Amino acid sequence: MTAFPFRSALKTLALGATLLGMAEAATSVTTTSLNLRRTPGGAVVAVIPANTLLITACDGAWCRTTYRGRGGYVGRAYLKAVTRSAPLNSASSGAYSRFYASCTAMRRAGAAPARLGTPGYRVGLDRNGNGWACDQTER
């Protein structure tokens, strides 16, 4: 895989985590090509290829996700979990994600490096697209 698709995938994952707005999220891979639907069981808005990495938030048989900037739902039966669900910080829970304006600010707070999916991580601080914001290679 080249650097560009990897960076694009990371940006999509980060955007997906932001847009989900649900209490929990996990990373999943599609096991087959599947339909992205506007609502659970609703109209198809896109087809997601097999072996696509997605950020998902599931409730019952349906999972909320984003694909190429489109939000929607996919059938949980067609996903293979890559990571377990982990709580996301949200306004409804009373906790907010940590935001660092720069790697310098993140280092001062003692939070660097931050891995994709952890508080403080954002694509803008992961210049080399390796899944770690403000790591040693990003000075």
C-alpha atoms as a PDB file:
ATOM      1  CA  MET A   1       0.000   0.000   0.000  1.00  0.00           C
ATOM      2  CA  THR A   2       1.338   3.453  -0.840  1.00  0.00           C
ATOM      3  CA  ALA A   3       1.453   6.348   1.605  1.00  0.00           C
ATOM      4  CA  PHE A   4      -1.429   8.210  -0.054  1.00  0.00           C
ATOM      5  CA  PRO A   5      -4.149   5.536   0.387  1.00  0.00           C
ATOM      6  CA  PHE A   6      -2.940   4.944   3.961  1.00  0.00           C
ATOM      7  CA  ARG A   7      -3.258   8.628   4.808  1.00  0.00           C
ATOM      8  CA  SER A   8      -6.608   8.752   3.097  1.00  0.00           C
ATOM      9  CA  ALA A   9      -7.772   5.751   5.123  1.00  0.00           C
ATOM     10  CA  LEU A  10      -6.604   7.364   8.373  1.00  0.00           C
ATOM     11  CA  LYS A  11      -8.420  10.586   7.540  1.00  0.00           C
ATOM     12  CA  THR A  12     -11.562   8.614   6.752  1.00  0.00           C
ATOM     13  CA  LEU A  13     -11.287   6.713  10.041  1.00  0.00           C
ATOM     14  CA  ALA A  14     -10.803   9.891  12.038  1.00  0.00           C
ATOM     15  CA  LEU A  15     -13.724  11.563  10.255  1.00  0.00           C
ATOM     16  CA  GLY A  16     -15.835   8.476  10.833  1.00  0.00           C
ATOM     17  CA  ALA A  17     -15.112   8.510  14.550  1.00  0.00           C
ATOM     18  CA  THR A  18     -16.089  12.175  14.702  1.00  0.00           C
ATOM     19  CA  LEU A  19     -19.302  11.748  12.706  1.00  0.00           C
ATOM     20  CA  LEU A  20     -20.557   8.637  14.453  1.00  0.00           C
ATOM     21  CA  GLY A  21     -21.683  10.501  17.551  1.00  0.00           C
ATOM     22  CA  MET A  22     -22.407   7.267  19.375  1.00  0.00           C
ATOM     23  CA  ALA A  23     -21.230   5.965  22.728  1.00  0.00           C
ATOM     24  CA  GLU A  24     -18.897   3.261  21.415  1.00  0.00           C
ATOM     25  CA  ALA A  25     -16.834   2.646  18.313  1.00  0.00           C
ATOM     26  CA  ALA A  26     -14.712  -0.176  16.979  1.00  0.00           C
ATOM     27  CA  THR A  27     -12.540  -0.796  13.964  1.00  0.00           C
ATOM     28  CA  SER A  28     -13.953  -3.422  11.603  1.00  0.00           C
ATOM     29  CA  VAL A  29     -13.165  -4.898   8.190  1.00  0.00           C
ATOM     30  CA  THR A  30     -15.839  -5.757   5.642  1.00  0.00           C
ATOM     31  CA  THR A  31     -15.920  -9.496   4.888  1.00  0.00           C
ATOM     32  CA  THR A  32     -17.653  -9.013   1.538  1.00  0.00           C
ATOM     33  CA  SER A  33     -18.858  -6.138  -0.619  1.00  0.00           C
ATOM     34  CA  LEU A  34     -21.808  -4.621   1.164  1.00  0.00           C
ATOM     35  CA  ASN A  35     -24.342  -1.854   0.883  1.00  0.00           C
ATOM     36  CA  LEU A  36     -24.047   1.356   2.832  1.00  0.00           C
ATOM     37  CA  ARG A  37     -27.631   2.340   3.613  1.00  0.00           C
ATOM     38  CA  ARG A  38     -29.079   5.716   4.533  1.00  0.00           C
ATOM     39  CA  THR A  39     -31.020   4.143   7.428  1.00  0.00           C
ATOM     40  CA  PRO A  40     -31.029   0.575   8.792  1.00  0.00           C
ATOM     41  CA  GLY A  41     -32.628  -1.431   5.973  1.00  0.00           C
ATOM     42  CA  GLY A  42     -33.162   1.779   3.957  1.00  0.00           C
ATOM     43  CA  ALA A  43     -32.030   3.028   0.566  1.00  0.00           C
ATOM     44  CA  VAL A  44     -28.526   2.113  -0.631  1.00  0.00           C
ATOM     45  CA  VAL A  45     -26.207   5.133  -0.921  1.00  0.00           C
ATOM     46  CA  ALA A  46     -22.928   3.347  -1.757  1.00  0.00           C
ATOM     47  CA  VAL A  47     -21.314  -0.076  -2.076  1.00  0.00           C
ATOM     48  CA  ILE A  48     -18.321  -0.733   0.166  1.00  0.00           C
ATOM     49  CA  PRO A  49     -15.751  -3.191  -1.238  1.00  0.00           C
ATOM     50  CA  ALA A  50     -14.641  -6.292   0.659  1.00  0.00           C
ATOM     51  CA  ASN A  51     -11.659  -5.890   3.004  1.00  0.00           C
ATOM     52  CA  THR A  52     -12.357  -2.207   3.665  1.00  0.00           C
ATOM     53  CA  LEU A  53     -11.339  -0.900   7.093  1.00  0.00           C
ATOM     54  CA  LEU A  54     -14.127   1.067   8.813  1.00  0.00           C
ATOM     55  CA  ILE A  55     -14.834   2.741  12.140  1.00  0.00           C
ATOM     56  CA  THR A  56     -18.170   1.374  13.307  1.00  0.00           C
ATOM     57  CA  ALA A  57     -20.614   1.938  16.139  1.00  0.00           C
ATOM     58  CA  CYS A  58     -23.032  -0.966  16.400  1.00  0.00           C
ATOM     59  CA  ASP A  59     -26.435  -1.450  17.961  1.00  0.00           C
ATOM     60  CA  GLY A  60     -28.031  -4.825  17.352  1.00  0.00           C
ATOM     61  CA  ALA A  61     -27.779  -6.004  13.744  1.00  0.00           C
ATOM     62  CA  TRP A  62     -26.768  -2.593  12.333  1.00  0.00           C
ATOM     63  CA  CYS A  63     -23.596  -0.512  12.549  1.00  0.00           C
ATOM     64  CA  ARG A  64     -23.232   3.199  11.844  1.00  0.00           C
ATOM     65  CA  THR A  65     -20.170   4.108   9.765  1.00  0.00           C
ATOM     66  CA  THR A  66     -18.834   6.442   7.089  1.00  0.00           C
ATOM     67  CA  TYR A  67     -17.395   5.548   3.716  1.00  0.00           C
ATOM     68  CA  ARG A  68     -15.854   8.115   1.370  1.00  0.00           C
ATOM     69  CA  GLY A  69     -17.501  10.949   3.276  1.00  0.00           C
ATOM     70  CA  ARG A  70     -20.968   9.362   3.356  1.00  0.00           C
ATOM     71  CA  GLY A  71     -22.542   8.314   6.617  1.00  0.00           C
ATOM     72  CA  GLY A  72     -24.876   5.369   6.837  1.00  0.00           C
ATOM     73  CA  TYR A  73     -25.518   1.869   8.142  1.00  0.00           C
ATOM     74  CA  VAL A  74     -24.138  -1.571   7.311  1.00  0.00           C
ATOM     75  CA  GLY A  75     -25.168  -5.028   8.447  1.00  0.00           C
ATOM     76  CA  ARG A  76     -23.134  -6.194  11.431  1.00  0.00           C
ATOM     77  CA  ALA A  77     -23.075  -9.782  10.065  1.00  0.00           C
ATOM     78  CA  TYR A  78     -20.801  -8.638   7.211  1.00  0.00           C
ATOM     79  CA  LEU A  79     -18.110  -7.129   9.447  1.00  0.00           C
ATOM     80  CA  LYS A  80     -15.150  -8.675  11.228  1.00  0.00           C
ATOM     81  CA  ALA A  81     -14.016  -6.773  14.314  1.00  0.00           C
ATOM     82  CA  VAL A  82     -10.370  -5.689  14.285  1.00  0.00           C
ATOM     83  CA  THR A  83     -10.469  -3.937  17.656  1.00  0.00           C
ATOM     84  CA  ARG A  84     -12.876  -4.180  20.554  1.00  0.00           C
ATOM     85  CA  SER A  85     -15.315  -1.409  21.205  1.00  0.00           C
ATOM     86  CA  ALA A  86     -13.893   1.413  23.262  1.00  0.00           C
ATOM     87  CA  PRO A  87     -15.761   4.355  24.770  1.00  0.00           C
ATOM     88  CA  LEU A  88     -15.629   7.595  22.854  1.00  0.00           C
ATOM     89  CA  ASN A  89     -15.706  10.903  24.666  1.00  0.00           C
ATOM     90  CA  SER A  90     -18.907  12.717  23.846  1.00  0.00           C
ATOM     91  CA  ALA A  91     -20.880  15.742  24.919  1.00  0.00           C
ATOM     92  CA  SER A  92     -23.705  13.495  26.118  1.00  0.00           C
ATOM     93  CA  SER A  93     -21.411  11.643  28.521  1.00  0.00           C
ATOM     94  CA  GLY A  94     -20.109  14.905  29.947  1.00  0.00           C
ATOM     95  CA  ALA A  95     -16.545  14.187  28.784  1.00  0.00           C
ATOM     96  CA  TYR A  96     -14.879  15.842  25.848  1.00  0.00           C
ATOM     97  CA  SER A  97     -11.989  14.769  23.654  1.00  0.00           C
ATOM     98  CA  ARG A  98      -8.706  16.432  24.367  1.00  0.00           C
ATOM     99  CA  PHE A  99      -7.662  18.889  21.677  1.00  0.00           C
ATOM    100  CA  TYR A 100      -4.087  19.966  21.092  1.00  0.00           C
ATOM    101  CA  ALA A 101      -3.426  22.790  18.656  1.00  0.00           C
ATOM    102  CA  SER A 102       0.083  21.528  17.897  1.00  0.00           C
ATOM    103  CA  CYS A 103       2.562  18.765  18.643  1.00  0.00           C
ATOM    104  CA  THR A 104       4.363  21.220  20.914  1.00  0.00           C
ATOM    105  CA  ALA A 105       1.193  21.630  23.000  1.00  0.00           C
ATOM    106  CA  MET A 106       0.657  17.862  23.075  1.00  0.00           C
ATOM    107  CA  ARG A 107       4.246  17.268  24.227  1.00  0.00           C
ATOM    108  CA  ARG A 108       3.960  19.955  26.927  1.00  0.00           C
ATOM    109  CA  ALA A 109       0.880  18.176  28.267  1.00  0.00           C
ATOM    110  CA  GLY A 110       2.787  14.880  28.296  1.00  0.00           C
ATOM    111  CA  ALA A 111       0.303  13.279  25.895  1.00  0.00           C
ATOM    112  CA  ALA A 112       2.597  12.716  22.887  1.00  0.00           C
ATOM    113  CA  PRO A 113       2.647  10.500  20.987  1.00  0.00           C
ATOM    114  CA  ALA A 114      -1.080   9.732  20.720  1.00  0.00           C
ATOM    115  CA  ARG A 115      -2.286   6.634  18.858  1.00  0.00           C
ATOM    116  CA  LEU A 116      -5.216   6.680  16.448  1.00  0.00           C
ATOM    117  CA  GLY A 117      -8.402   6.251  18.488  1.00  0.00           C
ATOM    118  CA  THR A 118      -7.056   7.738  21.719  1.00  0.00           C
ATOM    119  CA  PRO A 119      -7.963  11.144  23.184  1.00  0.00           C
ATOM    120  CA  GLY A 120      -5.911  13.912  21.594  1.00  0.00           C
ATOM    121  CA  TYR A 121      -5.189  12.097  18.334  1.00  0.00           C
ATOM    122  CA  ARG A 122      -6.193  13.900  15.179  1.00  0.00           C
ATOM    123  CA  VAL A 123      -5.103  13.560  11.579  1.00  0.00           C
ATOM    124  CA  GLY A 124      -3.691  17.094  11.508  1.00  0.00           C
ATOM    125  CA  LEU A 125      -1.031  16.059  14.032  1.00  0.00           C
ATOM    126  CA  ASP A 126      -0.177  12.814  12.226  1.00  0.00           C
ATOM    127  CA  ARG A 127       1.815  14.300   9.356  1.00  0.00           C
ATOM    128  CA  ASN A 128       3.420  11.026   8.251  1.00  0.00           C
ATOM    129  CA  GLY A 129       0.120   9.109   8.385  1.00  0.00           C
ATOM    130  CA  ASN A 130       1.428   6.238  10.535  1.00  0.00           C
ATOM    131  CA  GLY A 131      -1.410   6.242  13.081  1.00  0.00           C
ATOM    132  CA  TRP A 132       0.600   8.113  15.751  1.00  0.00           C
ATOM    133  CA  ALA A 133       0.191  11.860  16.277  1.00  0.00           C
ATOM    134  CA  CYS A 134       3.348  13.750  17.264  1.00  0.00           C
ATOM    135  CA  ASP A 135       5.650  10.733  17.293  1.00  0.00           C
ATOM    136  CA  GLN A 136       9.442  11.040  17.213  1.00  0.00           C
ATOM    137  CA  THR A 137       9.537  11.341  13.418  1.00  0.00           C
ATOM    138  CA  GLU A 138       7.328  14.461  13.525  1.00  0.00           C
ATOM    139  CA  ARG A 139       9.446  17.230  14.956  1.00  0.00           C
END
